[in-house]
N, C-alpha and C. Protein backbone atom coordinates (compact mmCIF):
# COMPACT_ATOMS: atom_id res chain seq x y z
N MET A 1 -78.95 -80.61 27.27
CA MET A 1 -78.23 -79.54 26.63
C MET A 1 -77.03 -79.10 27.47
N LYS A 2 -77.25 -79.00 28.81
CA LYS A 2 -76.16 -78.60 29.69
C LYS A 2 -75.03 -79.63 29.66
N ASN A 3 -75.40 -80.91 29.56
CA ASN A 3 -74.38 -81.96 29.51
C ASN A 3 -73.53 -81.83 28.25
N LYS A 4 -74.16 -81.48 27.13
CA LYS A 4 -73.42 -81.33 25.87
C LYS A 4 -72.46 -80.15 25.94
N ILE A 5 -72.90 -79.05 26.54
CA ILE A 5 -72.04 -77.87 26.68
C ILE A 5 -70.87 -78.20 27.61
N PHE A 6 -71.18 -78.90 28.71
CA PHE A 6 -70.12 -79.29 29.65
C PHE A 6 -69.12 -80.20 28.95
N LEU A 7 -69.58 -81.18 28.20
CA LEU A 7 -68.68 -82.09 27.49
C LEU A 7 -67.82 -81.34 26.47
N LEU A 8 -68.43 -80.39 25.77
CA LEU A 8 -67.69 -79.59 24.79
C LEU A 8 -66.60 -78.78 25.49
N LEU A 9 -66.94 -78.10 26.59
CA LEU A 9 -65.96 -77.32 27.34
C LEU A 9 -64.86 -78.22 27.92
N PHE A 10 -65.25 -79.37 28.45
CA PHE A 10 -64.30 -80.31 29.02
C PHE A 10 -63.32 -80.81 27.96
N SER A 11 -63.85 -81.14 26.78
CA SER A 11 -62.98 -81.63 25.71
C SER A 11 -62.04 -80.53 25.22
N CYS A 12 -62.49 -79.28 25.23
CA CYS A 12 -61.61 -78.16 24.85
C CYS A 12 -60.48 -78.00 25.86
N VAL A 13 -60.80 -78.09 27.15
CA VAL A 13 -59.79 -77.97 28.20
C VAL A 13 -58.78 -79.10 28.10
N VAL A 14 -59.25 -80.32 27.91
CA VAL A 14 -58.36 -81.47 27.78
C VAL A 14 -57.49 -81.32 26.54
N SER A 15 -58.06 -80.88 25.44
CA SER A 15 -57.28 -80.69 24.20
C SER A 15 -56.21 -79.63 24.39
N PHE A 16 -56.57 -78.51 25.03
CA PHE A 16 -55.60 -77.44 25.26
C PHE A 16 -54.49 -77.92 26.17
N SER A 17 -54.84 -78.66 27.20
CA SER A 17 -53.84 -79.20 28.12
C SER A 17 -52.90 -80.15 27.40
N SER A 18 -53.43 -81.00 26.55
CA SER A 18 -52.61 -81.93 25.78
C SER A 18 -51.71 -81.17 24.82
N TYR A 19 -52.24 -80.15 24.16
CA TYR A 19 -51.44 -79.34 23.24
C TYR A 19 -50.31 -78.65 23.98
N SER A 20 -50.60 -78.13 25.17
CA SER A 20 -49.60 -77.45 25.97
C SER A 20 -48.46 -78.41 26.33
N GLN A 21 -48.82 -79.63 26.70
CA GLN A 21 -47.82 -80.64 27.05
C GLN A 21 -46.97 -81.00 25.83
N ILE A 22 -47.60 -81.16 24.69
CA ILE A 22 -46.88 -81.48 23.45
C ILE A 22 -45.95 -80.33 23.10
N SER A 23 -46.42 -79.10 23.23
CA SER A 23 -45.61 -77.93 22.92
C SER A 23 -44.39 -77.85 23.84
N GLU A 24 -44.58 -78.11 25.14
CA GLU A 24 -43.45 -78.10 26.07
C GLU A 24 -42.45 -79.19 25.72
N GLU A 25 -42.94 -80.36 25.40
CA GLU A 25 -42.04 -81.45 25.01
C GLU A 25 -41.28 -81.10 23.74
N TYR A 26 -41.95 -80.48 22.78
CA TYR A 26 -41.30 -80.06 21.54
C TYR A 26 -40.22 -79.01 21.84
N GLN A 27 -40.56 -78.03 22.67
CA GLN A 27 -39.59 -76.99 23.01
C GLN A 27 -38.38 -77.57 23.72
N LEU A 28 -38.59 -78.51 24.63
CA LEU A 28 -37.47 -79.16 25.30
C LEU A 28 -36.61 -79.95 24.32
N LYS A 29 -37.25 -80.60 23.37
CA LYS A 29 -36.51 -81.36 22.35
C LYS A 29 -35.63 -80.42 21.52
N GLU A 30 -36.19 -79.29 21.12
CA GLU A 30 -35.43 -78.32 20.33
C GLU A 30 -34.31 -77.69 21.15
N ALA A 31 -34.60 -77.37 22.41
CA ALA A 31 -33.56 -76.81 23.29
C ALA A 31 -32.46 -77.84 23.53
N ASN A 32 -32.84 -79.10 23.66
CA ASN A 32 -31.85 -80.16 23.88
C ASN A 32 -30.91 -80.27 22.67
N LYS A 33 -31.46 -80.15 21.47
CA LYS A 33 -30.60 -80.17 20.28
C LYS A 33 -29.58 -79.04 20.34
N ALA A 34 -30.05 -77.85 20.68
CA ALA A 34 -29.17 -76.68 20.75
C ALA A 34 -28.09 -76.85 21.81
N VAL A 35 -28.47 -77.37 22.97
CA VAL A 35 -27.49 -77.52 24.05
C VAL A 35 -26.46 -78.60 23.72
N MET A 36 -26.87 -79.64 23.04
CA MET A 36 -25.91 -80.70 22.67
C MET A 36 -24.90 -80.18 21.64
N ILE A 37 -25.36 -79.36 20.71
CA ILE A 37 -24.45 -78.74 19.74
C ILE A 37 -23.49 -77.81 20.48
N TRP A 38 -24.02 -77.04 21.41
CA TRP A 38 -23.20 -76.10 22.17
C TRP A 38 -22.13 -76.84 22.97
N PHE A 39 -22.54 -77.90 23.68
CA PHE A 39 -21.57 -78.69 24.45
C PHE A 39 -20.54 -79.36 23.54
N ASN A 40 -20.97 -79.87 22.40
CA ASN A 40 -20.03 -80.49 21.47
C ASN A 40 -18.98 -79.47 21.03
N ASN A 41 -19.41 -78.28 20.70
CA ASN A 41 -18.47 -77.22 20.32
C ASN A 41 -17.54 -76.86 21.48
N LEU A 42 -18.08 -76.80 22.69
CA LEU A 42 -17.26 -76.51 23.86
C LEU A 42 -16.19 -77.58 24.06
N ASN A 43 -16.61 -78.84 23.99
CA ASN A 43 -15.68 -79.94 24.27
C ASN A 43 -14.69 -80.22 23.14
N THR A 44 -14.91 -79.63 21.97
CA THR A 44 -13.97 -79.81 20.87
C THR A 44 -13.16 -78.54 20.60
N GLY A 45 -13.32 -77.55 21.48
CA GLY A 45 -12.53 -76.33 21.35
C GLY A 45 -12.97 -75.38 20.25
N ASN A 46 -14.18 -75.54 19.77
CA ASN A 46 -14.70 -74.67 18.72
C ASN A 46 -15.36 -73.45 19.39
N TYR A 47 -14.54 -72.58 19.97
CA TYR A 47 -15.04 -71.51 20.83
C TYR A 47 -15.79 -70.41 20.08
N THR A 48 -15.53 -70.22 18.82
CA THR A 48 -16.30 -69.24 18.05
C THR A 48 -17.76 -69.68 17.97
N GLU A 49 -17.99 -70.96 17.72
CA GLU A 49 -19.36 -71.48 17.67
C GLU A 49 -20.01 -71.47 19.05
N VAL A 50 -19.22 -71.72 20.10
CA VAL A 50 -19.75 -71.66 21.46
C VAL A 50 -20.20 -70.23 21.76
N TRP A 51 -19.38 -69.26 21.39
CA TRP A 51 -19.72 -67.84 21.57
C TRP A 51 -21.01 -67.51 20.82
N ASP A 52 -21.13 -68.01 19.60
CA ASP A 52 -22.34 -67.74 18.80
C ASP A 52 -23.59 -68.32 19.45
N GLY A 53 -23.43 -69.36 20.25
CA GLY A 53 -24.57 -69.99 20.93
C GLY A 53 -24.97 -69.31 22.22
N LEU A 54 -24.24 -68.27 22.61
CA LEU A 54 -24.57 -67.54 23.83
C LEU A 54 -25.63 -66.48 23.58
N SER A 55 -26.39 -66.21 24.60
CA SER A 55 -27.40 -65.15 24.56
C SER A 55 -26.72 -63.79 24.40
N VAL A 56 -27.41 -62.86 23.79
CA VAL A 56 -26.91 -61.49 23.66
C VAL A 56 -26.67 -60.90 25.05
N LYS A 57 -27.51 -61.26 26.02
CA LYS A 57 -27.33 -60.76 27.39
C LYS A 57 -25.97 -61.17 27.94
N VAL A 58 -25.54 -62.39 27.65
CA VAL A 58 -24.25 -62.87 28.11
C VAL A 58 -23.12 -62.17 27.35
N LYS A 59 -23.26 -62.09 26.05
CA LYS A 59 -22.23 -61.45 25.22
C LYS A 59 -22.01 -59.99 25.60
N ASN A 60 -23.06 -59.32 26.04
CA ASN A 60 -22.93 -57.91 26.41
C ASN A 60 -22.15 -57.71 27.71
N GLN A 61 -21.91 -58.79 28.46
CA GLN A 61 -21.20 -58.68 29.73
C GLN A 61 -19.69 -58.86 29.58
N THR A 62 -19.20 -59.25 28.42
CA THR A 62 -17.78 -59.48 28.21
C THR A 62 -17.46 -59.30 26.73
N ASN A 63 -16.20 -59.49 26.38
CA ASN A 63 -15.86 -59.48 24.96
C ASN A 63 -15.34 -60.85 24.57
N PHE A 64 -15.31 -61.12 23.30
CA PHE A 64 -14.97 -62.44 22.78
C PHE A 64 -13.59 -62.93 23.26
N ASP A 65 -12.58 -62.10 23.13
CA ASP A 65 -11.21 -62.53 23.47
C ASP A 65 -11.07 -62.89 24.95
N GLU A 66 -11.61 -62.05 25.83
CA GLU A 66 -11.55 -62.34 27.27
C GLU A 66 -12.31 -63.62 27.59
N TRP A 67 -13.45 -63.78 26.97
CA TRP A 67 -14.28 -64.95 27.22
C TRP A 67 -13.57 -66.22 26.75
N VAL A 68 -12.98 -66.19 25.56
CA VAL A 68 -12.27 -67.37 25.04
C VAL A 68 -11.10 -67.72 25.95
N ASN A 69 -10.35 -66.72 26.41
CA ASN A 69 -9.23 -66.99 27.32
C ASN A 69 -9.70 -67.68 28.60
N ALA A 70 -10.79 -67.19 29.16
CA ALA A 70 -11.32 -67.78 30.39
C ALA A 70 -11.81 -69.21 30.16
N VAL A 71 -12.57 -69.41 29.11
CA VAL A 71 -13.15 -70.73 28.83
C VAL A 71 -12.06 -71.75 28.47
N SER A 72 -11.14 -71.36 27.63
CA SER A 72 -10.09 -72.30 27.24
C SER A 72 -9.22 -72.67 28.44
N GLY A 73 -8.99 -71.73 29.35
CA GLY A 73 -8.25 -72.04 30.57
C GLY A 73 -8.98 -73.05 31.44
N GLU A 74 -10.29 -72.88 31.58
CA GLU A 74 -11.08 -73.84 32.37
C GLU A 74 -11.08 -75.22 31.72
N MET A 75 -11.18 -75.26 30.42
CA MET A 75 -11.22 -76.56 29.74
C MET A 75 -9.88 -77.30 29.89
N LEU A 76 -8.78 -76.57 29.97
CA LEU A 76 -7.48 -77.20 30.22
C LEU A 76 -7.45 -77.82 31.62
N ILE A 77 -8.04 -77.13 32.59
CA ILE A 77 -8.11 -77.67 33.95
C ILE A 77 -8.94 -78.94 33.98
N PHE A 78 -10.08 -78.95 33.27
CA PHE A 78 -10.96 -80.12 33.25
C PHE A 78 -10.26 -81.33 32.66
N GLY A 79 -9.47 -81.14 31.63
CA GLY A 79 -8.85 -82.25 30.92
C GLY A 79 -9.79 -82.82 29.87
N GLU A 80 -9.45 -84.00 29.41
CA GLU A 80 -10.21 -84.63 28.33
C GLU A 80 -11.65 -84.93 28.75
N PHE A 81 -12.57 -84.64 27.87
CA PHE A 81 -13.99 -84.92 28.10
C PHE A 81 -14.25 -86.40 27.87
N ASN A 82 -14.95 -87.04 28.83
CA ASN A 82 -15.21 -88.48 28.73
C ASN A 82 -16.69 -88.86 28.78
N GLY A 83 -17.59 -87.90 28.91
CA GLY A 83 -19.01 -88.27 28.87
C GLY A 83 -19.89 -87.32 29.67
N ARG A 84 -21.18 -87.29 29.30
CA ARG A 84 -22.16 -86.42 29.94
C ARG A 84 -23.49 -87.17 29.99
N VAL A 85 -24.12 -87.19 31.16
CA VAL A 85 -25.42 -87.84 31.33
C VAL A 85 -26.41 -86.81 31.86
N GLU A 86 -27.52 -86.70 31.16
CA GLU A 86 -28.57 -85.77 31.59
C GLU A 86 -29.24 -86.28 32.85
N LEU A 87 -29.34 -85.40 33.84
CA LEU A 87 -30.00 -85.75 35.11
C LEU A 87 -31.41 -85.20 35.19
N ASN A 88 -31.60 -84.02 34.60
CA ASN A 88 -32.90 -83.38 34.71
C ASN A 88 -33.07 -82.39 33.56
N LYS A 89 -34.31 -82.21 33.15
CA LYS A 89 -34.64 -81.17 32.18
C LYS A 89 -36.02 -80.63 32.52
N GLU A 90 -36.19 -79.34 32.28
CA GLU A 90 -37.47 -78.73 32.61
C GLU A 90 -37.70 -77.51 31.72
N PHE A 91 -38.92 -77.38 31.25
CA PHE A 91 -39.34 -76.22 30.46
C PHE A 91 -40.07 -75.26 31.38
N LYS A 92 -39.78 -73.98 31.23
CA LYS A 92 -40.48 -72.96 32.02
C LYS A 92 -40.82 -71.79 31.11
N ASN A 93 -41.96 -71.13 31.41
CA ASN A 93 -42.31 -69.95 30.62
C ASN A 93 -42.10 -68.67 31.40
N THR A 94 -41.50 -68.79 32.56
CA THR A 94 -41.08 -67.62 33.32
C THR A 94 -40.01 -68.03 34.32
N LEU A 95 -39.08 -67.14 34.56
CA LEU A 95 -38.09 -67.30 35.62
C LEU A 95 -38.11 -66.02 36.43
N GLU A 96 -38.16 -66.17 37.73
CA GLU A 96 -38.35 -65.02 38.62
C GLU A 96 -37.37 -63.88 38.31
N GLU A 97 -36.12 -64.19 38.18
CA GLU A 97 -35.13 -63.13 37.98
C GLU A 97 -34.99 -62.68 36.52
N LEU A 98 -35.62 -63.41 35.60
CA LEU A 98 -35.46 -63.09 34.17
C LEU A 98 -36.75 -62.71 33.46
N GLY A 99 -37.88 -62.96 34.06
CA GLY A 99 -39.16 -62.57 33.47
C GLY A 99 -39.76 -63.65 32.59
N ASP A 100 -40.77 -63.23 31.82
CA ASP A 100 -41.49 -64.15 30.95
C ASP A 100 -40.65 -64.49 29.72
N GLY A 101 -40.89 -65.66 29.18
CA GLY A 101 -40.19 -66.14 27.99
C GLY A 101 -40.20 -67.65 27.98
N TYR A 102 -39.50 -68.23 27.03
CA TYR A 102 -39.34 -69.68 26.99
C TYR A 102 -37.95 -70.01 27.50
N TYR A 103 -37.90 -70.85 28.54
CA TYR A 103 -36.64 -71.24 29.15
C TYR A 103 -36.57 -72.76 29.24
N ALA A 104 -35.39 -73.29 29.07
CA ALA A 104 -35.15 -74.72 29.24
C ALA A 104 -33.96 -74.88 30.18
N GLU A 105 -34.18 -75.65 31.24
CA GLU A 105 -33.12 -75.89 32.22
C GLU A 105 -32.69 -77.35 32.12
N PHE A 106 -31.38 -77.57 32.14
CA PHE A 106 -30.82 -78.91 32.08
C PHE A 106 -29.74 -79.05 33.15
N SER A 107 -29.63 -80.24 33.72
CA SER A 107 -28.51 -80.53 34.60
C SER A 107 -27.90 -81.87 34.18
N TYR A 108 -26.59 -81.98 34.38
CA TYR A 108 -25.84 -83.13 33.89
C TYR A 108 -24.80 -83.58 34.91
N ALA A 109 -24.52 -84.86 34.89
CA ALA A 109 -23.33 -85.42 35.54
C ALA A 109 -22.32 -85.60 34.41
N VAL A 110 -21.10 -85.11 34.64
CA VAL A 110 -20.11 -85.06 33.57
C VAL A 110 -18.82 -85.70 34.03
N VAL A 111 -18.14 -86.35 33.10
CA VAL A 111 -16.86 -86.98 33.41
C VAL A 111 -15.79 -86.31 32.55
N TYR A 112 -14.85 -85.68 33.26
CA TYR A 112 -13.65 -85.13 32.63
C TYR A 112 -12.45 -85.82 33.27
N GLU A 113 -11.36 -85.81 32.57
CA GLU A 113 -10.14 -86.48 33.00
C GLU A 113 -9.65 -86.00 34.37
N ASN A 114 -9.72 -84.69 34.64
CA ASN A 114 -9.08 -84.14 35.84
C ASN A 114 -10.05 -83.69 36.93
N THR A 115 -11.32 -84.05 36.83
CA THR A 115 -12.28 -83.62 37.85
C THR A 115 -13.03 -84.82 38.42
N ILE A 116 -13.57 -84.60 39.61
CA ILE A 116 -14.38 -85.62 40.29
C ILE A 116 -15.73 -84.98 40.61
N GLU A 117 -16.78 -85.78 40.54
CA GLU A 117 -18.13 -85.31 40.87
C GLU A 117 -18.45 -84.01 40.13
N HIS A 118 -18.21 -84.02 38.85
CA HIS A 118 -18.42 -82.84 38.01
C HIS A 118 -19.89 -82.78 37.61
N SER A 119 -20.51 -81.65 37.87
CA SER A 119 -21.91 -81.44 37.45
C SER A 119 -22.00 -80.12 36.70
N GLU A 120 -22.94 -80.06 35.77
CA GLU A 120 -23.16 -78.86 34.98
C GLU A 120 -24.64 -78.52 34.99
N TYR A 121 -24.92 -77.24 34.98
CA TYR A 121 -26.28 -76.72 34.98
C TYR A 121 -26.33 -75.63 33.91
N ILE A 122 -27.34 -75.69 33.07
CA ILE A 122 -27.43 -74.73 31.97
C ILE A 122 -28.88 -74.31 31.76
N ILE A 123 -29.07 -73.02 31.50
CA ILE A 123 -30.38 -72.50 31.15
C ILE A 123 -30.26 -71.88 29.77
N LEU A 124 -31.17 -72.27 28.89
CA LEU A 124 -31.26 -71.66 27.57
C LEU A 124 -32.56 -70.86 27.51
N HIS A 125 -32.57 -69.86 26.66
CA HIS A 125 -33.81 -69.14 26.41
C HIS A 125 -33.97 -68.98 24.91
N GLN A 126 -35.19 -68.78 24.51
CA GLN A 126 -35.48 -68.62 23.10
C GLN A 126 -35.41 -67.12 22.76
N ASP A 127 -34.56 -66.78 21.78
CA ASP A 127 -34.43 -65.38 21.41
C ASP A 127 -35.57 -64.95 20.48
N SER A 128 -35.51 -63.72 20.01
CA SER A 128 -36.60 -63.18 19.19
C SER A 128 -36.75 -63.89 17.84
N LYS A 129 -35.72 -64.63 17.43
CA LYS A 129 -35.78 -65.39 16.18
C LYS A 129 -36.11 -66.87 16.43
N ARG A 130 -36.53 -67.17 17.67
CA ARG A 130 -36.92 -68.52 18.10
C ARG A 130 -35.74 -69.49 18.11
N ASN A 131 -34.52 -68.97 18.26
CA ASN A 131 -33.34 -69.81 18.42
C ASN A 131 -33.04 -69.95 19.91
N TRP A 132 -32.65 -71.14 20.32
CA TRP A 132 -32.29 -71.38 21.70
C TRP A 132 -30.86 -70.93 21.92
N LYS A 133 -30.65 -70.08 22.93
CA LYS A 133 -29.34 -69.52 23.25
C LYS A 133 -29.03 -69.75 24.72
N VAL A 134 -27.75 -69.94 25.02
CA VAL A 134 -27.31 -70.19 26.40
C VAL A 134 -27.33 -68.87 27.18
N LEU A 135 -28.05 -68.91 28.27
CA LEU A 135 -28.22 -67.74 29.13
C LEU A 135 -27.39 -67.88 30.41
N ILE A 136 -27.37 -69.08 30.97
CA ILE A 136 -26.63 -69.35 32.20
C ILE A 136 -25.96 -70.71 32.05
N PHE A 137 -24.68 -70.76 32.39
CA PHE A 137 -23.95 -72.03 32.42
C PHE A 137 -23.09 -72.03 33.67
N SER A 138 -23.26 -73.06 34.49
CA SER A 138 -22.44 -73.16 35.69
C SER A 138 -22.03 -74.62 35.90
N TYR A 139 -21.01 -74.81 36.70
CA TYR A 139 -20.52 -76.16 36.97
C TYR A 139 -19.90 -76.21 38.36
N GLU A 140 -19.80 -77.43 38.87
CA GLU A 140 -19.14 -77.70 40.15
C GLU A 140 -18.35 -78.98 39.98
N PHE A 141 -17.22 -79.06 40.68
CA PHE A 141 -16.43 -80.29 40.65
C PHE A 141 -15.39 -80.24 41.76
N ARG A 142 -14.78 -81.38 41.97
CA ARG A 142 -13.59 -81.49 42.82
C ARG A 142 -12.45 -81.92 41.91
N GLN A 143 -11.26 -81.45 42.22
CA GLN A 143 -10.09 -81.87 41.45
C GLN A 143 -9.45 -83.08 42.11
N GLU A 144 -8.84 -83.93 41.26
CA GLU A 144 -8.15 -85.11 41.79
C GLU A 144 -6.89 -84.72 42.54
């Protein structure tokens, strides 16, 4: 009888662990879709859609016009977009400085016309409507 109870508990733990892994993979897949749309809008100059993809927390720190001026200026410095390769992705359900929630972190190696060793790092979070929104976006590069 004890063996049957142990097997039942073990199978429940294994099932829950498998479900958790599937859920994380699903969340990363959905976040990846959102980030690719966001990057496509960024690289094609569709800044209204890029703004719409930002978290409310980010939008509350600036206004649309100032943000568009800053972003469009940076994109001019970068030059023509030539490609992006994902280096890492990770799902987290908490971030120390941001608290509990669903977060997806991605890092990329990127090729732009006017930069060298360009890398990008982005964190998305799931808002109250279960939409993935950009919370943090940063980049590093050297100019030619």
